[in-house]
Amino acid sequence: MMDVIDQANGSELPPVLQTSSRRLPWVVGFVAIFIGLCVGGQFYRPHIDRMIEALVAREVVPMPALSPEDKAALSEIRSGQQQASEEISAARQSGWKCSVNQDERASPGS
């Protein structure tokens, strides 16, 4: 009887060892990426100062002045946008009043 119990206990593995670990490839991948980033950082470290200086030293190219035709086109676009905005706000106000009136007709007691 004791032999059967010992054989049963000896064949059972702890729960940690019973399942295959799916985390191992993720851990190995994370470690590989981390090591790659560290190596890349050490490789580019001497050049970072030059890269920052190059980014800061870029000259801003001034925009050329707009031609009179472009200015006229922009003013037409702005006036069209203004008119559309006014029409939309007027439509919203009139539409809102209509929906309130319809709601009041549908439920006069509330």
PDB file of N, CA and C in Angstrom:
ATOM      1  N   MET A   1       0.814  -1.192   0.000  1.00  0.00           N
ATOM      2  CA  MET A   1       0.000   0.000   0.000  1.00  0.00           C
ATOM      3  C   MET A   1       0.857   1.255   0.000  1.00  0.00           C
ATOM      4  N   MET A   2       1.887   1.269   0.779  1.00  0.00           N
ATOM      5  CA  MET A   2       2.781   2.431   0.843  1.00  0.00           C
ATOM      6  C   MET A   2       3.509   2.625  -0.486  1.00  0.00           C
ATOM      7  N   ASP A   3       3.796   1.523  -1.159  1.00  0.00           N
ATOM      8  CA  ASP A   3       4.476   1.630  -2.448  1.00  0.00           C
ATOM      9  C   ASP A   3       3.601   2.354  -3.474  1.00  0.00           C
ATOM     10  N   VAL A   4       2.312   2.089  -3.444  1.00  0.00           N
ATOM     11  CA  VAL A   4       1.388   2.745  -4.373  1.00  0.00           C
ATOM     12  C   VAL A   4       1.329   4.234  -4.092  1.00  0.00           C
ATOM     13  N   ILE A   5       1.288   4.626  -2.828  1.00  0.00           N
ATOM     14  CA  ILE A   5       1.236   6.052  -2.469  1.00  0.00           C
ATOM     15  C   ILE A   5       2.545   6.734  -2.861  1.00  0.00           C
ATOM     16  N   ASP A   6       3.659   6.074  -2.612  1.00  0.00           N
ATOM     17  CA  ASP A   6       4.952   6.654  -2.977  1.00  0.00           C
ATOM     18  C   ASP A   6       5.082   6.820  -4.492  1.00  0.00           C
ATOM     19  N   GLN A   7       4.585   5.845  -5.259  1.00  0.00           N
ATOM     20  CA  GLN A   7       4.646   5.947  -6.709  1.00  0.00           C
ATOM     21  C   GLN A   7       3.752   7.083  -7.207  1.00  0.00           C
ATOM     22  N   ALA A   8       2.594   7.255  -6.605  1.00  0.00           N
ATOM     23  CA  ALA A   8       1.686   8.334  -7.009  1.00  0.00           C
ATOM     24  C   ALA A   8       2.298   9.687  -6.684  1.00  0.00           C
ATOM     25  N   ASN A   9       2.895   9.815  -5.521  1.00  0.00           N
ATOM     26  CA  ASN A   9       3.516  11.089  -5.144  1.00  0.00           C
ATOM     27  C   ASN A   9       4.758  11.366  -5.975  1.00  0.00           C
ATOM     28  N   GLY A  10       5.511  10.339  -6.289  1.00  0.00           N
ATOM     29  CA  GLY A  10       6.731  10.527  -7.049  1.00  0.00           C
ATOM     30  C   GLY A  10       6.461  10.901  -8.492  1.00  0.00           C
ATOM     31  N   SER A  11       5.353  10.454  -9.077  1.00  0.00           N
ATOM     32  CA  SER A  11       5.070  10.748 -10.472  1.00  0.00           C
ATOM     33  C   SER A  11       4.417  12.103 -10.669  1.00  0.00           C
ATOM     34  N   GLU A  12       3.850  12.652  -9.616  1.00  0.00           N
ATOM     35  CA  GLU A  12       3.197  13.959  -9.741  1.00  0.00           C
ATOM     36  C   GLU A  12       4.234  15.066  -9.646  1.00  0.00           C
ATOM     37  N   LEU A  13       4.201  15.920 -10.615  1.00  0.00           N
ATOM     38  CA  LEU A  13       5.100  17.073 -10.621  1.00  0.00           C
ATOM     39  C   LEU A  13       4.413  18.250  -9.953  1.00  0.00           C
ATOM     40  N   PRO A  14       5.186  19.176  -9.458  1.00  0.00           N
ATOM     41  CA  PRO A  14       4.566  20.380  -8.894  1.00  0.00           C
ATOM     42  C   PRO A  14       3.779  21.109  -9.990  1.00  0.00           C
ATOM     43  N   PRO A  15       2.760  21.886  -9.607  1.00  0.00           N
ATOM     44  CA  PRO A  15       1.937  22.576 -10.610  1.00  0.00           C
ATOM     45  C   PRO A  15       2.740  23.486 -11.528  1.00  0.00           C
ATOM     46  N   VAL A  16       3.813  24.049 -11.045  1.00  0.00           N
ATOM     47  CA  VAL A  16       4.630  24.947 -11.867  1.00  0.00           C
ATOM     48  C   VAL A  16       5.270  24.180 -13.019  1.00  0.00           C
ATOM     49  N   LEU A  17       5.678  22.941 -12.766  1.00  0.00           N
ATOM     50  CA  LEU A  17       6.359  22.157 -13.793  1.00  0.00           C
ATOM     51  C   LEU A  17       5.399  21.389 -14.695  1.00  0.00           C
ATOM     52  N   GLN A  18       4.134  21.300 -14.336  1.00  0.00           N
ATOM     53  CA  GLN A  18       3.188  20.541 -15.131  1.00  0.00           C
ATOM     54  C   GLN A  18       2.815  21.243 -16.432  1.00  0.00           C
ATOM     55  N   THR A  19       2.714  22.550 -16.422  1.00  0.00           N
ATOM     56  CA  THR A  19       2.321  23.275 -17.632  1.00  0.00           C
ATOM     57  C   THR A  19       3.556  23.802 -18.341  1.00  0.00           C
ATOM     58  N   SER A  20       3.487  23.838 -19.648  1.00  0.00           N
ATOM     59  CA  SER A  20       4.608  24.397 -20.398  1.00  0.00           C
ATOM     60  C   SER A  20       4.544  25.919 -20.299  1.00  0.00           C
ATOM     61  N   SER A  21       5.676  26.500 -20.162  1.00  0.00           N
ATOM     62  CA  SER A  21       5.725  27.951 -19.979  1.00  0.00           C
ATOM     63  C   SER A  21       5.601  28.645 -21.323  1.00  0.00           C
ATOM     64  N   ARG A  22       4.595  29.477 -21.446  1.00  0.00           N
ATOM     65  CA  ARG A  22       4.421  30.272 -22.666  1.00  0.00           C
ATOM     66  C   ARG A  22       5.077  31.630 -22.521  1.00  0.00           C
ATOM     67  N   ARG A  23       5.504  31.937 -21.336  1.00  0.00           N
ATOM     68  CA  ARG A  23       6.120  33.243 -21.093  1.00  0.00           C
ATOM     69  C   ARG A  23       7.585  33.270 -21.499  1.00  0.00           C
ATOM     70  N   LEU A  24       8.210  32.118 -21.600  1.00  0.00           N
ATOM     71  CA  LEU A  24       9.638  32.080 -21.891  1.00  0.00           C
ATOM     72  C   LEU A  24       9.997  32.793 -23.195  1.00  0.00           C
ATOM     73  N   PRO A  25       9.301  32.567 -24.309  1.00  0.00           N
ATOM     74  CA  PRO A  25       9.663  33.311 -25.529  1.00  0.00           C
ATOM     75  C   PRO A  25       9.489  34.822 -25.374  1.00  0.00           C
ATOM     76  N   TRP A  26       8.460  35.245 -24.620  1.00  0.00           N
ATOM     77  CA  TRP A  26       8.265  36.680 -24.400  1.00  0.00           C
ATOM     78  C   TRP A  26       9.391  37.266 -23.571  1.00  0.00           C
ATOM     79  N   VAL A  27       9.813  36.559 -22.543  1.00  0.00           N
ATOM     80  CA  VAL A  27      10.901  37.045 -21.693  1.00  0.00           C
ATOM     81  C   VAL A  27      12.196  37.121 -22.486  1.00  0.00           C
ATOM     82  N   VAL A  28      12.471  36.084 -23.267  1.00  0.00           N
ATOM     83  CA  VAL A  28      13.691  36.086 -24.081  1.00  0.00           C
ATOM     84  C   VAL A  28      13.642  37.219 -25.106  1.00  0.00           C
ATOM     85  N   GLY A  29      12.485  37.423 -25.729  1.00  0.00           N
ATOM     86  CA  GLY A  29      12.350  38.525 -26.685  1.00  0.00           C
ATOM     87  C   GLY A  29      12.538  39.884 -26.028  1.00  0.00           C
ATOM     88  N   PHE A  30      11.957  40.055 -24.853  1.00  0.00           N
ATOM     89  CA  PHE A  30      12.104  41.322 -24.146  1.00  0.00           C
ATOM     90  C   PHE A  30      13.565  41.577 -23.782  1.00  0.00           C
ATOM     91  N   VAL A  31      14.255  40.552 -23.294  1.00  0.00           N
ATOM     92  CA  VAL A  31      15.669  40.699 -22.940  1.00  0.00           C
ATOM     93  C   VAL A  31      16.491  41.032 -24.183  1.00  0.00           C
ATOM     94  N   ALA A  32      16.193  40.390 -25.308  1.00  0.00           N
ATOM     95  CA  ALA A  32      16.942  40.662 -26.542  1.00  0.00           C
ATOM     96  C   ALA A  32      16.722  42.099 -27.008  1.00  0.00           C
ATOM     97  N   ILE A  33      15.470  42.565 -26.936  1.00  0.00           N
ATOM     98  CA  ILE A  33      15.182  43.955 -27.330  1.00  0.00           C
ATOM     99  C   ILE A  33      15.877  44.927 -26.393  1.00  0.00           C
ATOM    100  N   PHE A  34      15.851  44.638 -25.106  1.00  0.00           N
ATOM    101  CA  PHE A  34      16.500  45.513 -24.129  1.00  0.00           C
ATOM    102  C   PHE A  34      18.000  45.595 -24.382  1.00  0.00           C
ATOM    103  N   ILE A  35      18.619  44.449 -24.634  1.00  0.00           N
ATOM    104  CA  ILE A  35      20.060  44.445 -24.908  1.00  0.00           C
ATOM    105  C   ILE A  35      20.348  45.202 -26.203  1.00  0.00           C
ATOM    106  N   GLY A  36      19.498  45.028 -27.208  1.00  0.00           N
ATOM    107  CA  GLY A  36      19.686  45.759 -28.467  1.00  0.00           C
ATOM    108  C   GLY A  36      19.589  47.259 -28.278  1.00  0.00           C
ATOM    109  N   LEU A  37      18.631  47.693 -27.460  1.00  0.00           N
ATOM    110  CA  LEU A  37      18.507  49.127 -27.198  1.00  0.00           C
ATOM    111  C   LEU A  37      19.721  49.663 -26.442  1.00  0.00           C
ATOM    112  N   CYS A  38      20.224  48.895 -25.503  1.00  0.00           N
ATOM    113  CA  CYS A  38      21.408  49.335 -24.759  1.00  0.00           C
ATOM    114  C   CYS A  38      22.623  49.449 -25.676  1.00  0.00           C
ATOM    115  N   VAL A  39      22.802  48.447 -26.539  1.00  0.00           N
ATOM    116  CA  VAL A  39      23.937  48.487 -27.474  1.00  0.00           C
ATOM    117  C   VAL A  39      23.776  49.653 -28.445  1.00  0.00           C
ATOM    118  N   GLY A  40      22.563  49.863 -28.938  1.00  0.00           N
ATOM    119  CA  GLY A  40      22.320  50.989 -29.846  1.00  0.00           C
ATOM    120  C   GLY A  40      22.559  52.325 -29.158  1.00  0.00           C
ATOM    121  N   GLY A  41      22.145  52.431 -27.899  1.00  0.00           N
ATOM    122  CA  GLY A  41      22.385  53.669 -27.157  1.00  0.00           C
ATOM    123  C   GLY A  41      23.863  53.950 -26.982  1.00  0.00           C
ATOM    124  N   GLN A  42      24.638  52.903 -26.689  1.00  0.00           N
ATOM    125  CA  GLN A  42      26.079  53.097 -26.544  1.00  0.00           C
ATOM    126  C   GLN A  42      26.732  53.442 -27.877  1.00  0.00           C
ATOM    127  N   PHE A  43      26.202  52.907 -28.956  1.00  0.00           N
ATOM    128  CA  PHE A  43      26.772  53.198 -30.275  1.00  0.00           C
ATOM    129  C   PHE A  43      26.495  54.637 -30.684  1.00  0.00           C
ATOM    130  N   TYR A  44      25.264  55.124 -30.439  1.00  0.00           N
ATOM    131  CA  TYR A  44      24.892  56.467 -30.875  1.00  0.00           C
ATOM    132  C   TYR A  44      25.199  57.546 -29.845  1.00  0.00           C
ATOM    133  N   ARG A  45      25.632  57.178 -28.664  1.00  0.00           N
ATOM    134  CA  ARG A  45      25.891  58.167 -27.615  1.00  0.00           C
ATOM    135  C   ARG A  45      26.890  59.242 -28.044  1.00  0.00           C
ATOM    136  N   PRO A  46      28.000  58.912 -28.673  1.00  0.00           N
ATOM    137  CA  PRO A  46      28.935  59.982 -29.073  1.00  0.00           C
ATOM    138  C   PRO A  46      28.364  60.900 -30.156  1.00  0.00           C
ATOM    139  N   HIS A  47      27.375  60.439 -30.879  1.00  0.00           N
ATOM    140  CA  HIS A  47      26.842  61.214 -32.000  1.00  0.00           C
ATOM    141  C   HIS A  47      25.596  62.025 -31.624  1.00  0.00           C
ATOM    142  N   ILE A  48      25.073  61.816 -30.434  1.00  0.00           N
ATOM    143  CA  ILE A  48      23.829  62.491 -30.057  1.00  0.00           C
ATOM    144  C   ILE A  48      24.013  64.009 -30.033  1.00  0.00           C
ATOM    145  N   ASP A  49      25.139  64.475 -29.524  1.00  0.00           N
ATOM    146  CA  ASP A  49      25.380  65.917 -29.475  1.00  0.00           C
ATOM    147  C   ASP A  49      25.340  66.530 -30.872  1.00  0.00           C
ATOM    148  N   ARG A  50      25.969  65.867 -31.821  1.00  0.00           N
ATOM    149  CA  ARG A  50      25.970  66.373 -33.194  1.00  0.00           C
ATOM    150  C   ARG A  50      24.570  66.350 -33.799  1.00  0.00           C
ATOM    151  N   MET A  51      23.793  65.312 -33.490  1.00  0.00           N
ATOM    152  CA  MET A  51      22.433  65.242 -34.020  1.00  0.00           C
ATOM    153  C   MET A  51      21.564  66.364 -33.456  1.00  0.00           C
ATOM    154  N   ILE A  52      21.709  66.627 -32.161  1.00  0.00           N
ATOM    155  CA  ILE A  52      20.923  67.697 -31.542  1.00  0.00           C
ATOM    156  C   ILE A  52      21.323  69.048 -32.108  1.00  0.00           C
ATOM    157  N   GLU A  53      22.607  69.267 -32.271  1.00  0.00           N
ATOM    158  CA  GLU A  53      23.069  70.529 -32.847  1.00  0.00           C
ATOM    159  C   GLU A  53      22.553  70.700 -34.273  1.00  0.00           C
ATOM    160  N   ALA A  54      22.522  69.628 -35.037  1.00  0.00           N
ATOM    161  CA  ALA A  54      22.034  69.717 -36.412  1.00  0.00           C
ATOM    162  C   ALA A  54      20.550  70.056 -36.437  1.00  0.00           C
ATOM    163  N   LEU A  55      19.778  69.499 -35.496  1.00  0.00           N
ATOM    164  CA  LEU A  55      18.350  69.798 -35.451  1.00  0.00           C
ATOM    165  C   LEU A  55      18.093  71.245 -35.044  1.00  0.00           C
ATOM    166  N   VAL A  56      18.875  71.738 -34.087  1.00  0.00           N
ATOM    167  CA  VAL A  56      18.683  73.102 -33.605  1.00  0.00           C
ATOM    168  C   VAL A  56      19.176  74.116 -34.626  1.00  0.00           C
ATOM    169  N   ALA A  57      20.222  73.780 -35.355  1.00  0.00           N
ATOM    170  CA  ALA A  57      20.839  74.728 -36.280  1.00  0.00           C
ATOM    171  C   ALA A  57      20.079  74.891 -37.585  1.00  0.00           C
ATOM    172  N   ARG A  58      19.046  74.099 -37.810  1.00  0.00           N
ATOM    173  CA  ARG A  58      18.296  74.246 -39.059  1.00  0.00           C
ATOM    174  C   ARG A  58      17.691  75.638 -39.141  1.00  0.00           C
ATOM    175  N   GLU A  59      17.839  76.230 -40.294  1.00  0.00           N
ATOM    176  CA  GLU A  59      17.277  77.558 -40.502  1.00  0.00           C
ATOM    177  C   GLU A  59      15.822  77.436 -40.912  1.00  0.00           C
ATOM    178  N   VAL A  60      15.024  78.321 -40.392  1.00  0.00           N
ATOM    179  CA  VAL A  60      13.626  78.353 -40.776  1.00  0.00           C
ATOM    180  C   VAL A  60      13.529  79.133 -42.068  1.00  0.00           C
ATOM    181  N   VAL A  61      12.968  78.496 -43.063  1.00  0.00           N
ATOM    182  CA  VAL A  61      12.839  79.125 -44.369  1.00  0.00           C
ATOM    183  C   VAL A  61      11.640  80.072 -44.315  1.00  0.00           C
ATOM    184  N   PRO A  62      11.879  81.356 -44.576  1.00  0.00           N
ATOM    185  CA  PRO A  62      10.750  82.282 -44.536  1.00  0.00           C
ATOM    186  C   PRO A  62       9.793  82.024 -45.685  1.00  0.00           C
ATOM    187  N   MET A  63       8.503  82.194 -45.406  1.00  0.00           N
ATOM    188  CA  MET A  63       7.507  82.001 -46.459  1.00  0.00           C
ATOM    189  C   MET A  63       7.495  83.225 -47.363  1.00  0.00           C
ATOM    190  N   PRO A  64       7.383  82.997 -48.639  1.00  0.00           N
ATOM    191  CA  PRO A  64       7.310  84.150 -49.539  1.00  0.00           C
ATOM    192  C   PRO A  64       5.970  84.869 -49.344  1.00  0.00           C
ATOM    193  N   ALA A  65       5.979  86.137 -49.642  1.00  0.00           N
ATOM    194  CA  ALA A  65       4.753  86.929 -49.503  1.00  0.00           C
ATOM    195  C   ALA A  65       3.714  86.426 -50.499  1.00  0.00           C
ATOM    196  N   LEU A  66       2.457  86.535 -50.113  1.00  0.00           N
ATOM    197  CA  LEU A  66       1.380  86.081 -50.984  1.00  0.00           C
ATOM    198  C   LEU A  66       1.173  87.085 -52.120  1.00  0.00           C
ATOM    199  N   SER A  67       0.854  86.548 -53.260  1.00  0.00           N
ATOM    200  CA  SER A  67       0.573  87.412 -54.401  1.00  0.00           C
ATOM    201  C   SER A  67      -0.817  88.026 -54.220  1.00  0.00           C
ATOM    202  N   PRO A  68      -1.121  89.110 -54.931  1.00  0.00           N
ATOM    203  CA  PRO A  68      -2.447  89.729 -54.811  1.00  0.00           C
ATOM    204  C   PRO A  68      -3.576  88.758 -55.183  1.00  0.00           C
ATOM    205  N   GLU A  69      -3.327  87.869 -56.149  1.00  0.00           N
ATOM    206  CA  GLU A  69      -4.358  86.890 -56.525  1.00  0.00           C
ATOM    207  C   GLU A  69      -4.639  85.927 -55.374  1.00  0.00           C
ATOM    208  N   ASP A  70      -3.560  85.505 -54.701  1.00  0.00           N
ATOM    209  CA  ASP A  70      -3.733  84.601 -53.573  1.00  0.00           C
ATOM    210  C   ASP A  70      -4.478  85.283 -52.429  1.00  0.00           C
ATOM    211  N   LYS A  71      -4.147  86.536 -52.179  1.00  0.00           N
ATOM    212  CA  LYS A  71      -4.835  87.280 -51.119  1.00  0.00           C
ATOM    213  C   LYS A  71      -6.318  87.425 -51.433  1.00  0.00           C
ATOM    214  N   ALA A  72      -6.647  87.700 -52.700  1.00  0.00           N
ATOM    215  CA  ALA A  72      -8.041  87.836 -53.099  1.00  0.00           C
ATOM    216  C   ALA A  72      -8.769  86.504 -52.951  1.00  0.00           C
ATOM    217  N   ALA A  73      -8.115  85.415 -53.329  1.00  0.00           N
ATOM    218  CA  ALA A  73      -8.729  84.089 -53.199  1.00  0.00           C
ATOM    219  C   ALA A  73      -8.962  83.745 -51.734  1.00  0.00           C
ATOM    220  N   LEU A  74      -7.994  84.078 -50.870  1.00  0.00           N
ATOM    221  CA  LEU A  74      -8.163  83.804 -49.447  1.00  0.00           C
ATOM    222  C   LEU A  74      -9.295  84.627 -48.842  1.00  0.00           C
ATOM    223  N   SER A  75      -9.418  85.879 -49.249  1.00  0.00           N
ATOM    224  CA  SER A  75     -10.504  86.702 -48.707  1.00  0.00           C
ATOM    225  C   SER A  75     -11.857  86.180 -49.175  1.00  0.00           C
ATOM    226  N   GLU A  76     -11.935  85.677 -50.419  1.00  0.00           N
ATOM    227  CA  GLU A  76     -13.186  85.078 -50.896  1.00  0.00           C
ATOM    228  C   GLU A  76     -13.528  83.821 -50.101  1.00  0.00           C
ATOM    229  N   ILE A  77     -12.537  83.021 -49.832  1.00  0.00           N
ATOM    230  CA  ILE A  77     -12.762  81.802 -49.053  1.00  0.00           C
ATOM    231  C   ILE A  77     -13.235  82.157 -47.643  1.00  0.00           C
ATOM    232  N   ARG A  78     -12.594  83.144 -47.035  1.00  0.00           N
ATOM    233  CA  ARG A  78     -12.987  83.554 -45.677  1.00  0.00           C
ATOM    234  C   ARG A  78     -14.414  84.081 -45.647  1.00  0.00           C
ATOM    235  N   SER A  79     -14.790  84.880 -46.648  1.00  0.00           N
ATOM    236  CA  SER A  79     -16.156  85.408 -46.664  1.00  0.00           C
ATOM    237  C   SER A  79     -17.159  84.278 -46.898  1.00  0.00           C
ATOM    238  N   GLY A  80     -16.813  83.316 -47.734  1.00  0.00           N
ATOM    239  CA  GLY A  80     -17.680  82.151 -47.941  1.00  0.00           C
ATOM    240  C   GLY A  80     -17.841  81.341 -46.673  1.00  0.00           C
ATOM    241  N   GLN A  81     -16.743  81.165 -45.920  1.00  0.00           N
ATOM    242  CA  GLN A  81     -16.816  80.448 -44.657  1.00  0.00           C
ATOM    243  C   GLN A  81     -17.679  81.200 -43.649  1.00  0.00           C
ATOM    244  N   GLN A  82     -17.544  82.520 -43.634  1.00  0.00           N
ATOM    245  CA  GLN A  82     -18.343  83.343 -42.720  1.00  0.00           C
ATOM    246  C   GLN A  82     -19.827  83.196 -43.045  1.00  0.00           C
ATOM    247  N   GLN A  83     -20.177  83.269 -44.341  1.00  0.00           N
ATOM    248  CA  GLN A  83     -21.581  83.127 -44.740  1.00  0.00           C
ATOM    249  C   GLN A  83     -22.110  81.744 -44.385  1.00  0.00           C
ATOM    250  N   ALA A  84     -21.320  80.717 -44.630  1.00  0.00           N
ATOM    251  CA  ALA A  84     -21.758  79.352 -44.308  1.00  0.00           C
ATOM    252  C   ALA A  84     -21.955  79.194 -42.807  1.00  0.00           C
ATOM    253  N   SER A  85     -21.064  79.788 -42.036  1.00  0.00           N
ATOM    254  CA  SER A  85     -21.187  79.715 -40.582  1.00  0.00           C
ATOM    255  C   SER A  85     -22.460  80.404 -40.098  1.00  0.00           C
ATOM    256  N   GLU A  86     -22.753  81.560 -40.671  1.00  0.00           N
ATOM    257  CA  GLU A  86     -23.971  82.284 -40.288  1.00  0.00           C
ATOM    258  C   GLU A  86     -25.215  81.492 -40.681  1.00  0.00           C
ATOM    259  N   GLU A  87     -25.187  80.870 -41.870  1.00  0.00           N
ATOM    260  CA  GLU A  87     -26.337  80.078 -42.311  1.00  0.00           C
ATOM    261  C   GLU A  87     -26.534  78.845 -41.423  1.00  0.00           C
ATOM    262  N   ILE A  88     -25.453  78.228 -41.028  1.00  0.00           N
ATOM    263  CA  ILE A  88     -25.550  77.050 -40.159  1.00  0.00           C
ATOM    264  C   ILE A  88     -26.104  77.437 -38.798  1.00  0.00           C
ATOM    265  N   SER A  89     -25.618  78.548 -38.239  1.00  0.00           N
ATOM    266  CA  SER A  89     -26.121  78.958 -36.926  1.00  0.00           C
ATOM    267  C   SER A  89     -27.597  79.346 -37.008  1.00  0.00           C
ATOM    268  N   ALA A  90     -28.002  79.987 -38.108  1.00  0.00           N
ATOM    269  CA  ALA A  90     -29.415  80.338 -38.264  1.00  0.00           C
ATOM    270  C   ALA A  90     -30.265  79.077 -38.414  1.00  0.00           C
ATOM    271  N   ALA A  91     -29.763  78.095 -39.152  1.00  0.00           N
ATOM    272  CA  ALA A  91     -30.509  76.838 -39.324  1.00  0.00           C
ATOM    273  C   ALA A  91     -30.619  76.091 -38.008  1.00  0.00           C
ATOM    274  N   ARG A  92     -29.573  76.105 -37.218  1.00  0.00           N
ATOM    275  CA  ARG A  92     -29.622  75.438 -35.917  1.00  0.00           C
ATOM    276  C   ARG A  92     -30.635  76.094 -35.004  1.00  0.00           C
ATOM    277  N   GLN A  93     -30.643  77.431 -35.005  1.00  0.00           N
ATOM    278  CA  GLN A  93     -31.585  78.135 -34.137  1.00  0.00           C
ATOM    279  C   GLN A  93     -33.018  77.862 -34.568  1.00  0.00           C
ATOM    280  N   SER A  94     -33.290  77.929 -35.846  1.00  0.00           N
ATOM    281  CA  SER A  94     -34.660  77.693 -36.309  1.00  0.00           C
ATOM    282  C   SER A  94     -35.037  76.222 -36.145  1.00  0.00           C
ATOM    283  N   GLY A  95     -34.117  75.325 -36.379  1.00  0.00           N
ATOM    284  CA  GLY A  95     -34.378  73.902 -36.204  1.00  0.00           C
ATOM    285  C   GLY A  95     -34.595  73.556 -34.751  1.00  0.00           C
ATOM    286  N   TRP A  96     -33.876  74.198 -33.885  1.00  0.00           N
ATOM    287  CA  TRP A  96     -34.023  73.935 -32.450  1.00  0.00           C
ATOM    288  C   TRP A  96     -35.390  74.395 -31.971  1.00  0.00           C
ATOM    289  N   LYS A  97     -35.827  75.570 -32.438  1.00  0.00           N
ATOM    290  CA  LYS A  97     -37.133  76.077 -32.034  1.00  0.00           C
ATOM    291  C   LYS A  97     -38.240  75.161 -32.543  1.00  0.00           C
ATOM    292  N   CYS A  98     -38.099  74.645 -33.766  1.00  0.00           N
ATOM    293  CA  CYS A  98     -39.109  73.743 -34.311  1.00  0.00           C
ATOM    294  C   CYS A  98     -39.176  72.465 -33.498  1.00  0.00           C
ATOM    295  N   SER A  99     -38.030  71.916 -33.134  1.00  0.00           N
ATOM    296  CA  SER A  99     -38.056  70.664 -32.377  1.00  0.00           C
ATOM    297  C   SER A  99     -38.632  70.891 -30.991  1.00  0.00           C
ATOM    298  N   VAL A 100     -38.411  72.071 -30.395  1.00  0.00           N
ATOM    299  CA  VAL A 100     -38.998  72.369 -29.092  1.00  0.00           C
ATOM    300  C   VAL A 100     -40.495  72.508 -29.239  1.00  0.00           C
ATOM    301  N   ASN A 101     -40.948  73.183 -30.293  1.00  0.00           N
ATOM    302  CA  ASN A 101     -42.383  73.338 -30.511  1.00  0.00           C
ATOM    303  C   ASN A 101     -43.042  71.991 -30.737  1.00  0.00           C
ATOM    304  N   GLN A 102     -42.413  71.099 -31.489  1.00  0.00           N
ATOM    305  CA  GLN A 102     -42.970  69.771 -31.726  1.00  0.00           C
ATOM    306  C   GLN A 102     -43.032  68.983 -30.433  1.00  0.00           C
ATOM    307  N   ASP A 103     -42.013  69.106 -29.599  1.00  0.00           N
ATOM    308  CA  ASP A 103     -42.013  68.388 -28.339  1.00  0.00           C
ATOM    309  C   ASP A 103     -43.125  68.905 -27.426  1.00  0.00           C
ATOM    310  N   GLU A 104     -43.342  70.227 -27.440  1.00  0.00           N
ATOM    311  CA  GLU A 104     -44.374  70.788 -26.584  1.00  0.00           C
ATOM    312  C   GLU A 104     -45.754  70.330 -27.060  1.00  0.00           C
ATOM    313  N   ARG A 105     -45.939  70.207 -28.387  1.00  0.00           N
ATOM    314  CA  ARG A 105     -47.229  69.738 -28.910  1.00  0.00           C
ATOM    315  C   ARG A 105     -47.434  68.247 -28.571  1.00  0.00           C
ATOM    316  N   ALA A 106     -46.387  67.472 -28.587  1.00  0.00           N
ATOM    317  CA  ALA A 106     -46.508  66.035 -28.354  1.00  0.00           C
ATOM    318  C   ALA A 106     -46.855  65.730 -26.898  1.00  0.00           C
ATOM    319  N   SER A 107     -46.296  66.498 -25.979  1.00  0.00           N
ATOM    320  CA  SER A 107     -46.581  66.250 -24.562  1.00  0.00           C
ATOM    321  C   SER A 107     -46.952  67.556 -23.885  1.00  0.00           C
ATOM    322  N   PRO A 108     -48.195  68.010 -23.987  1.00  0.00           N
ATOM    323  CA  PRO A 108     -48.559  69.310 -23.412  1.00  0.00           C
ATOM    324  C   PRO A 108     -48.576  69.299 -21.883  1.00  0.00           C
ATOM    325  N   GLY A 109     -48.719  68.167 -21.267  1.00  0.00           N
ATOM    326  CA  GLY A 109     -48.817  68.144 -19.814  1.00  0.00           C
ATOM    327  C   GLY A 109     -47.475  68.236 -19.111  1.00  0.00           C
ATOM    328  N   SER A 110     -46.374  68.015 -19.799  1.00  0.00           N
ATOM    329  CA  SER A 110     -45.091  68.024 -19.101  1.00  0.00           C
ATOM    330  C   SER A 110     -44.426  69.331 -19.092  1.00  0.00           C
TER     331      SER A 110
END
